[in-house]
Protein backbone atom coordinates (compact mmCIF):
# COMPACT_ATOMS: atom_id res chain seq x y z
CA UNK A 1 102.73 -53.13 83.42
CA UNK A 2 102.81 -54.25 87.00
CA UNK A 3 100.47 -52.42 88.99
CA UNK A 4 101.53 -53.63 92.50
CA UNK A 5 101.40 -50.47 94.58
CA UNK A 6 100.00 -51.63 97.87
CA UNK A 7 96.20 -51.23 98.09
CA UNK A 8 94.57 -49.96 101.40
CA UNK A 9 95.73 -46.65 102.48
CA UNK A 10 97.65 -44.43 100.34
CA UNK A 11 101.73 -44.47 100.96
CA UNK A 12 102.88 -41.53 102.95
CA UNK A 13 104.00 -38.28 100.99
CA UNK A 14 106.59 -37.65 102.82
CA UNK A 15 108.43 -40.88 101.54
CA UNK A 16 110.47 -40.89 98.42
CA UNK A 17 109.16 -41.36 95.11
CA UNK A 18 111.12 -44.34 94.01
CA UNK A 19 111.20 -45.95 98.08
CA UNK A 20 106.95 -45.94 97.36
CA UNK A 21 107.36 -48.03 94.26
CA UNK A 22 107.34 -51.63 94.38
CA UNK A 23 110.85 -53.40 93.76
CA UNK A 24 109.85 -54.69 90.80
CA UNK A 25 108.02 -51.34 89.35
CA UNK A 26 111.20 -49.49 90.71
CA UNK A 27 113.77 -51.74 88.32
CA UNK A 28 111.11 -52.06 85.65
CA UNK A 29 113.85 -50.26 83.37
CA UNK A 30 116.26 -52.89 84.15
CA UNK A 31 113.96 -55.79 83.60
CA UNK A 32 112.76 -54.04 80.53
CA UNK A 33 116.85 -53.57 79.53
CA UNK A 34 117.28 -57.79 80.51
CA UNK A 35 114.51 -59.19 78.70
CA UNK A 36 115.60 -57.00 75.26
CA UNK A 37 119.10 -58.86 75.91
CA UNK A 38 117.93 -62.46 76.56
CA UNK A 39 115.72 -62.10 73.55
CA UNK A 40 118.50 -61.11 71.13
CA UNK A 41 120.60 -63.76 72.52
CA UNK A 42 117.81 -66.26 72.11
CA UNK A 43 117.39 -64.98 68.61
CA UNK A 44 120.72 -65.67 68.15
CA UNK A 45 121.06 -69.39 69.59
CA UNK A 46 118.21 -70.60 69.10
CA UNK A 47 117.51 -71.48 65.43
CA UNK A 48 114.12 -71.79 63.72
CA UNK A 49 112.77 -69.81 66.36
CA UNK A 50 110.61 -67.95 64.39
CA UNK A 51 108.41 -71.32 62.76
CA UNK A 52 108.31 -71.98 66.53
CA UNK A 53 106.18 -69.49 67.82
CA UNK A 54 104.46 -69.17 64.34
CA UNK A 55 103.09 -73.05 65.04
CA UNK A 56 100.39 -71.96 66.53
CA UNK A 57 98.52 -68.66 66.31
CA UNK A 58 95.69 -66.64 67.96
CA UNK A 59 94.71 -64.27 64.60
CA UNK A 60 97.37 -63.17 62.95
CA UNK A 61 99.57 -63.52 66.37
CA UNK A 62 101.74 -66.50 67.77
CA UNK A 63 100.17 -67.88 70.75
CA UNK A 64 103.01 -68.05 73.04
CA UNK A 65 103.33 -63.77 72.57
CA UNK A 66 99.47 -63.77 72.53
CA UNK A 67 99.36 -65.68 76.05
CA UNK A 68 102.00 -62.61 76.93
CA UNK A 69 99.83 -59.75 75.82
CA UNK A 70 96.36 -61.49 77.83
CA UNK A 71 98.67 -61.39 80.95
CA UNK A 72 99.89 -58.16 80.77
CA UNK A 73 96.07 -56.84 80.48
CA UNK A 74 94.13 -58.79 83.09
CA UNK A 75 96.08 -57.90 86.36
CA UNK A 76 95.30 -53.88 85.45
CA UNK A 77 91.79 -54.43 84.49
CA UNK A 78 90.78 -56.60 87.45
CA UNK A 79 92.13 -53.56 89.54
CA UNK A 80 89.63 -50.92 88.08
CA UNK A 81 86.78 -50.18 90.72
CA UNK A 82 83.96 -50.43 87.90
CA UNK A 83 81.03 -49.56 90.52
CA UNK A 84 82.78 -45.61 90.85
CA UNK A 85 81.82 -44.60 87.27
CA UNK A 86 78.56 -42.89 87.45
CA UNK A 87 80.02 -41.03 90.50
CA UNK A 88 83.12 -40.03 89.20
CA UNK A 89 81.64 -39.08 85.75
CA UNK A 90 79.28 -36.54 87.73
CA UNK A 91 82.23 -34.15 87.52
CA UNK A 92 81.79 -33.03 84.23
CA UNK A 93 84.94 -30.45 84.03
CA UNK A 94 87.15 -33.20 84.91
CA UNK A 95 85.38 -36.07 82.45
CA UNK A 96 85.18 -33.79 79.69
CA UNK A 97 88.70 -32.18 79.81
CA UNK A 98 89.87 -36.01 80.20
CA UNK A 99 87.96 -37.04 77.17
CA UNK A 100 89.01 -33.72 74.78
CA UNK A 101 93.12 -34.82 75.83
CA UNK A 102 92.85 -38.36 75.58
CA UNK A 103 90.90 -38.92 72.52
CA UNK A 104 91.22 -35.23 70.75
CA UNK A 105 94.62 -34.08 71.74
CA UNK A 106 96.87 -36.57 72.75
CA UNK A 107 96.15 -38.89 69.32
CA UNK A 108 96.70 -35.90 67.21
CA UNK A 109 99.75 -34.86 69.10
CA UNK A 110 101.52 -38.32 68.25
CA UNK A 111 100.33 -38.00 64.58
CA UNK A 112 102.57 -34.26 64.49
CA UNK A 113 105.06 -35.56 66.36
CA UNK A 114 105.70 -39.03 64.73
CA UNK A 115 105.36 -37.09 61.12
CA UNK A 116 107.84 -34.29 62.04
CA UNK A 117 110.68 -36.48 63.90
CA UNK A 118 109.88 -39.45 61.64
CA UNK A 119 109.40 -38.69 58.02
CA UNK A 120 111.31 -41.35 56.58
CA UNK A 121 110.69 -43.80 58.66
CA UNK A 122 107.13 -45.24 57.75
CA UNK A 123 106.93 -47.97 60.40
CA UNK A 124 107.82 -46.38 63.15
CA UNK A 125 105.62 -43.80 62.39
CA UNK A 126 102.71 -45.87 62.11
CA UNK A 127 103.38 -47.45 65.72
CA UNK A 128 104.26 -44.42 67.19
CA UNK A 129 100.61 -43.05 66.07
CA UNK A 130 98.83 -46.28 67.15
CA UNK A 131 100.51 -45.88 70.69
CA UNK A 132 99.31 -42.18 70.27
CA UNK A 133 95.48 -43.90 70.27
CA UNK A 134 96.43 -46.21 72.95
CA UNK A 135 95.57 -44.43 75.89
CA UNK A 136 96.71 -45.39 79.36
CA UNK A 137 95.29 -48.11 81.48
CA UNK A 138 98.19 -49.85 83.50
CA UNK A 139 100.70 -47.57 85.16
CA UNK A 140 98.95 -44.45 85.78
CA UNK A 141 97.08 -46.00 88.63
CA UNK A 142 100.99 -46.19 90.05
CA UNK A 143 102.01 -42.47 89.10
CA UNK A 144 98.58 -41.12 90.02
CA UNK A 145 99.08 -43.02 93.80
CA UNK A 146 102.67 -41.34 94.09
CA UNK A 147 101.57 -38.33 92.97
CA UNK A 148 99.07 -38.40 95.75
CA UNK A 149 96.54 -37.79 93.04
CA UNK A 150 92.85 -38.52 93.33
CA UNK A 151 92.55 -42.85 93.54
CA UNK A 152 88.81 -42.88 92.52
CA UNK A 153 89.02 -40.68 89.69
CA UNK A 154 91.65 -42.00 88.54
CA UNK A 155 90.37 -45.97 88.51
CA UNK A 156 86.84 -44.60 86.83
CA UNK A 157 89.27 -42.63 83.74
CA UNK A 158 90.82 -45.74 83.40
CA UNK A 159 87.74 -47.72 83.19
CA UNK A 160 85.94 -44.86 80.38
CA UNK A 161 89.04 -45.35 78.83
CA UNK A 162 89.27 -49.06 78.69
CA UNK A 163 85.42 -49.51 77.31
CA UNK A 164 85.91 -46.45 75.07
CA UNK A 165 88.87 -48.26 73.12
CA UNK A 166 87.27 -51.18 72.37
CA UNK A 167 84.57 -48.59 70.43
CA UNK A 168 86.92 -46.47 68.77
CA UNK A 169 90.10 -47.44 68.84
CA UNK A 170 89.81 -49.12 64.98
CA UNK A 171 87.89 -46.03 63.55
CA UNK A 172 90.62 -43.78 65.22
CA UNK A 173 93.17 -45.79 63.58
CA UNK A 174 91.88 -45.56 60.45
CA UNK A 175 91.26 -41.74 60.47
CA UNK A 176 94.79 -41.25 61.76
CA UNK A 177 96.63 -43.69 59.08
CA UNK A 178 94.73 -43.13 55.97
CA UNK A 179 92.24 -40.49 55.86
CA UNK A 180 94.45 -37.64 57.56
CA UNK A 181 97.24 -38.27 55.76
CA UNK A 182 95.70 -38.28 52.49
CA UNK A 183 93.59 -34.62 53.44
CA UNK A 184 97.01 -33.26 53.94
CA UNK A 185 98.72 -34.51 50.75
CA UNK A 186 101.04 -36.91 53.24
CA UNK A 187 101.22 -40.90 52.35
CA UNK A 188 99.42 -43.03 53.86
CA UNK A 189 100.03 -46.19 55.31
CA UNK A 190 100.59 -49.09 53.08
CA UNK A 191 98.06 -51.63 51.89
CA UNK A 192 99.20 -53.82 54.64
CA UNK A 193 96.81 -51.67 56.79
CA UNK A 194 93.63 -53.32 57.93
CA UNK A 195 90.85 -51.94 60.00
CA UNK A 196 89.44 -55.54 60.40
CA UNK A 197 92.79 -56.36 61.97
CA UNK A 198 92.77 -53.98 64.55
CA UNK A 199 89.23 -54.54 65.42
CA UNK A 200 90.11 -58.18 65.96
CA UNK A 201 93.21 -57.07 68.24
CA UNK A 202 91.49 -54.83 70.08
CA UNK A 203 88.36 -56.83 71.13
CA UNK A 204 90.92 -59.82 71.76
CA UNK A 205 93.54 -58.43 73.49
CA UNK A 206 91.33 -55.32 75.44
CA UNK A 207 88.17 -57.13 75.40
CA UNK A 208 88.80 -60.80 76.56
CA UNK A 209 90.66 -59.10 79.63
CA UNK A 210 88.19 -56.51 80.13
CA UNK A 211 85.44 -58.82 80.96
CA UNK A 212 87.79 -60.82 82.99
CA UNK A 213 88.71 -58.22 85.00
CA UNK A 214 85.42 -57.14 85.90
CA UNK A 215 84.16 -60.40 86.19
CA UNK A 216 86.44 -61.07 88.80
CA UNK A 217 86.15 -57.71 90.72
CA UNK A 218 82.53 -58.28 90.65
CA UNK A 219 82.87 -61.93 91.74
CA UNK A 220 85.42 -61.74 94.44
CA UNK A 221 83.69 -58.85 95.82
CA UNK A 222 80.21 -60.55 96.13
CA UNK A 223 82.07 -63.37 97.99
CA UNK A 224 84.77 -62.20 99.88
CA UNK A 225 84.21 -58.56 99.90
CA UNK A 226 86.38 -55.63 98.90
CA UNK A 227 88.64 -55.44 101.54
CA UNK A 228 89.66 -59.21 100.82
CA UNK A 229 89.72 -58.17 97.09
CA UNK A 230 91.92 -55.05 97.21
CA UNK A 231 93.98 -56.23 100.16
CA UNK A 232 94.94 -59.60 99.63
CA UNK A 233 93.74 -60.88 96.07
CA UNK A 234 94.83 -57.84 93.75
CA UNK A 235 98.58 -57.86 94.91
CA UNK A 236 99.24 -61.32 94.56
CA UNK A 237 97.79 -61.08 90.91
CA UNK A 238 99.69 -57.34 90.43
CA UNK A 239 103.10 -59.07 89.34
CA UNK A 240 101.59 -61.23 86.31
CA UNK A 241 101.51 -58.13 84.52
CA UNK A 242 104.91 -57.21 84.47
CA UNK A 243 105.64 -60.89 84.24
CA UNK A 244 103.53 -61.20 80.79
CA UNK A 245 105.16 -57.41 79.65
CA UNK A 246 108.72 -59.23 80.07
CA UNK A 247 108.04 -62.26 78.34
CA UNK A 248 106.12 -60.46 75.62
CA UNK A 249 109.47 -58.42 75.11
CA UNK A 250 111.56 -61.57 75.12
CA UNK A 251 110.04 -63.17 72.29
CA UNK A 252 109.53 -59.73 70.42
CA UNK A 253 113.30 -58.86 70.53
CA UNK A 254 114.17 -62.58 69.51
CA UNK A 255 112.30 -62.28 66.72
CA UNK A 256 114.09 -58.38 65.86
CA UNK A 257 117.26 -58.93 66.82
CA UNK A 258 119.00 -58.54 63.44
CA UNK A 259 117.18 -55.09 62.93
CA UNK A 260 117.43 -53.84 66.30
CA UNK A 261 121.60 -54.54 66.87
CA UNK A 262 121.81 -53.14 63.00
CA UNK A 263 119.96 -50.05 63.69
CA UNK A 264 120.64 -48.70 67.02
CA UNK A 265 120.59 -45.40 65.82
CA UNK A 266 116.32 -46.03 65.09
CA UNK A 267 115.91 -46.93 68.52
CA UNK A 268 117.01 -43.68 69.81
CA UNK A 269 114.89 -41.99 67.43
CA UNK A 270 112.05 -43.57 68.09
CA UNK A 271 112.38 -42.26 71.88
CA UNK A 272 112.78 -38.90 70.66
CA UNK A 273 109.09 -38.31 69.96
CA UNK A 274 108.02 -39.91 72.94
CA UNK A 275 109.79 -38.02 75.10
CA UNK A 276 108.28 -34.77 73.45
CA UNK A 277 104.87 -36.23 73.79
CA UNK A 278 105.42 -36.95 77.67
CA UNK A 279 106.53 -33.73 78.25
CA UNK A 280 103.86 -31.34 76.27
CA UNK A 281 101.08 -33.91 77.08
CA UNK A 282 101.71 -33.63 80.75
CA UNK A 283 102.84 -29.89 80.69
CA UNK A 284 99.43 -29.09 79.01
CA UNK A 285 97.35 -31.15 81.16
CA UNK A 286 98.41 -29.73 84.16
CA UNK A 287 97.89 -26.02 83.19
CA UNK A 288 94.45 -26.90 81.72
CA UNK A 289 93.63 -28.44 85.31
CA UNK A 290 94.59 -25.52 86.92
CA UNK A 291 92.98 -23.24 84.78
CA UNK A 292 89.68 -24.51 85.34
CA UNK A 293 89.34 -25.14 88.94
CA UNK A 294 89.96 -28.76 89.57
CA UNK A 295 91.76 -29.26 92.90
CA UNK A 296 95.61 -30.46 92.80
CA UNK A 297 94.24 -34.28 93.48
CA UNK A 298 92.04 -34.19 90.49
CA UNK A 299 94.81 -31.91 88.07
CA UNK A 300 97.54 -34.89 88.57
CA UNK A 301 94.96 -37.74 87.90
CA UNK A 302 93.71 -35.54 84.61
CA UNK A 303 97.97 -34.93 83.92
CA UNK A 304 99.20 -38.50 84.39
CA UNK A 305 95.87 -40.61 82.55
CA UNK A 306 96.21 -38.05 79.39
CA UNK A 307 100.09 -38.69 79.71
CA UNK A 308 100.42 -42.10 79.89
CA UNK A 309 99.85 -44.52 76.84
CA UNK A 310 98.82 -48.45 77.00
CA UNK A 311 101.81 -49.96 75.85
CA UNK A 312 100.52 -52.90 75.82
CA UNK A 313 97.55 -52.61 73.43
CA UNK A 314 100.13 -50.62 71.24
CA UNK A 315 102.20 -53.83 70.96
CA UNK A 316 99.33 -56.18 70.91
CA UNK A 317 97.82 -54.68 67.88
CA UNK A 318 101.10 -53.81 66.01
CA UNK A 319 101.67 -57.50 66.08
CA UNK A 320 98.16 -58.11 65.30
CA UNK A 321 98.45 -55.83 62.52
CA UNK A 322 101.98 -55.59 61.10
CA UNK A 323 103.84 -58.78 62.51
CA UNK A 324 105.98 -59.36 65.12
CA UNK A 325 109.11 -58.56 63.44
CA UNK A 326 107.34 -55.25 62.43
CA UNK A 327 109.14 -51.68 62.68
CA UNK A 328 105.47 -51.00 64.18
CA UNK A 329 106.11 -53.07 66.65
CA UNK A 330 109.53 -52.07 67.84
CA UNK A 331 108.02 -48.64 68.41
CA UNK A 332 105.48 -49.96 70.81
CA UNK A 333 108.65 -52.21 72.51
CA UNK A 334 110.88 -49.15 72.82
CA UNK A 335 107.53 -47.34 74.56
CA UNK A 336 107.70 -48.63 78.22
CA UNK A 337 111.80 -48.26 77.82
CA UNK A 338 111.14 -44.53 77.70
CA UNK A 339 107.52 -43.88 79.61
CA UNK A 340 108.82 -45.42 83.05
CA UNK A 341 111.84 -43.26 84.07
CA UNK A 342 110.11 -40.19 82.33
CA UNK A 343 106.55 -40.61 84.58
CA UNK A 344 108.99 -41.04 87.34
CA UNK A 345 110.18 -37.31 86.63
CA UNK A 346 107.00 -36.42 86.36
CA UNK A 347 105.50 -37.40 89.75
CA UNK A 348 108.39 -35.21 91.18
CA UNK A 349 107.22 -32.25 89.07
CA UNK A 350 103.56 -32.69 90.17
CA UNK A 351 104.43 -32.76 93.80
CA UNK A 352 106.48 -30.07 93.44
CA UNK A 353 103.72 -28.04 91.24
CA UNK A 354 101.08 -28.72 93.71
CA UNK A 355 103.21 -26.63 96.43
CA UNK A 356 103.76 -24.13 94.04
CA UNK A 357 100.48 -23.50 92.22
CA UNK A 358 97.60 -24.74 94.73
CA UNK A 359 98.19 -23.04 97.81
CA UNK A 360 95.82 -23.59 100.52
CA UNK A 361 94.18 -26.63 98.18
CA UNK A 362 93.55 -29.49 100.82
CA UNK A 363 94.32 -32.36 98.60
CA UNK A 364 98.13 -31.07 98.09
CA UNK A 365 100.23 -33.48 100.39
CA UNK A 366 100.98 -32.51 103.80
CA UNK A 367 104.82 -32.54 103.35
CA UNK A 368 104.56 -30.49 100.43
CA UNK A 369 102.16 -28.31 101.73
CA UNK A 370 104.29 -27.51 104.74
CA UNK A 371 107.30 -27.12 102.51
CA UNK A 372 105.94 -24.37 100.92
CA UNK A 373 105.31 -22.22 103.81
CA UNK A 374 109.14 -22.15 104.26
């Protein structure tokens, strides 16, 4: 997803949240809907599109879609300040709570919601479980900035989630799709499931852009300095993530057109557990941050990094493991359409909560502190 909020001084908290988003990000749901429509039209108007996309593959993913997936991930990972990891990691309350929320509670909650609300839809259910395992490393930086969270803490948590996903994603996928359902007496994912396919997908679609992003920042800062890198270079490559997402959605919907147009109710059903997940994760994370004594800024960062999901990676894994026309891939594609408006609304909730639940906290935006005294 696009990461094109201006670098440098934080945007004023006085400005409306939507006004502080770039034009690209402000209308992201519109672009996603437009990309879906274009994809559906291509699927109907271009005969033999399936064969053309499958002519050259990276693993089990067609080359055009693989390129789109890599373009989604690289700009986000080039933005992370990897050098700040040690300093932020020293805050044990933040780190432990973030790891617990992201890697224990989040996947377990999505698993429970998927089974509760989609008991008769195994493909969509599996797709949502994969979404729950893909922790946010993309637009969380935007939501955190808009809510005046701790920017450096957010960048470090993104970096840690990026590395942790490479190490743990496949094992957690095996646990939630094969082991845990067996323990509970539930049907496991079909024989098409492959831990090896998930490993390859994560290494390709997260590992390659992670290494590229790390090298880009390291070499860019060494050559031109951090100010040039963040003020000049990052804003130029930021929109590439959005273009990659939209291109991938066009391709997915070109191949999924029949399933989507014939079953619009399924899209609505996929949206329900996502809405429940965002609401529960954000509220629980915010309450936890306040309870353990984190500042407003770090509480907001904790909440958004725990609530958002890395739909780019989820889409890549679903395509690589189950195929481009699978229900699992469709569940991943529906994700960003729901996430963007919901998390914009949660930015307003965070700012409101800062006024009411963090009195005297210096990290609460100044305008919010003034309004709370009226």
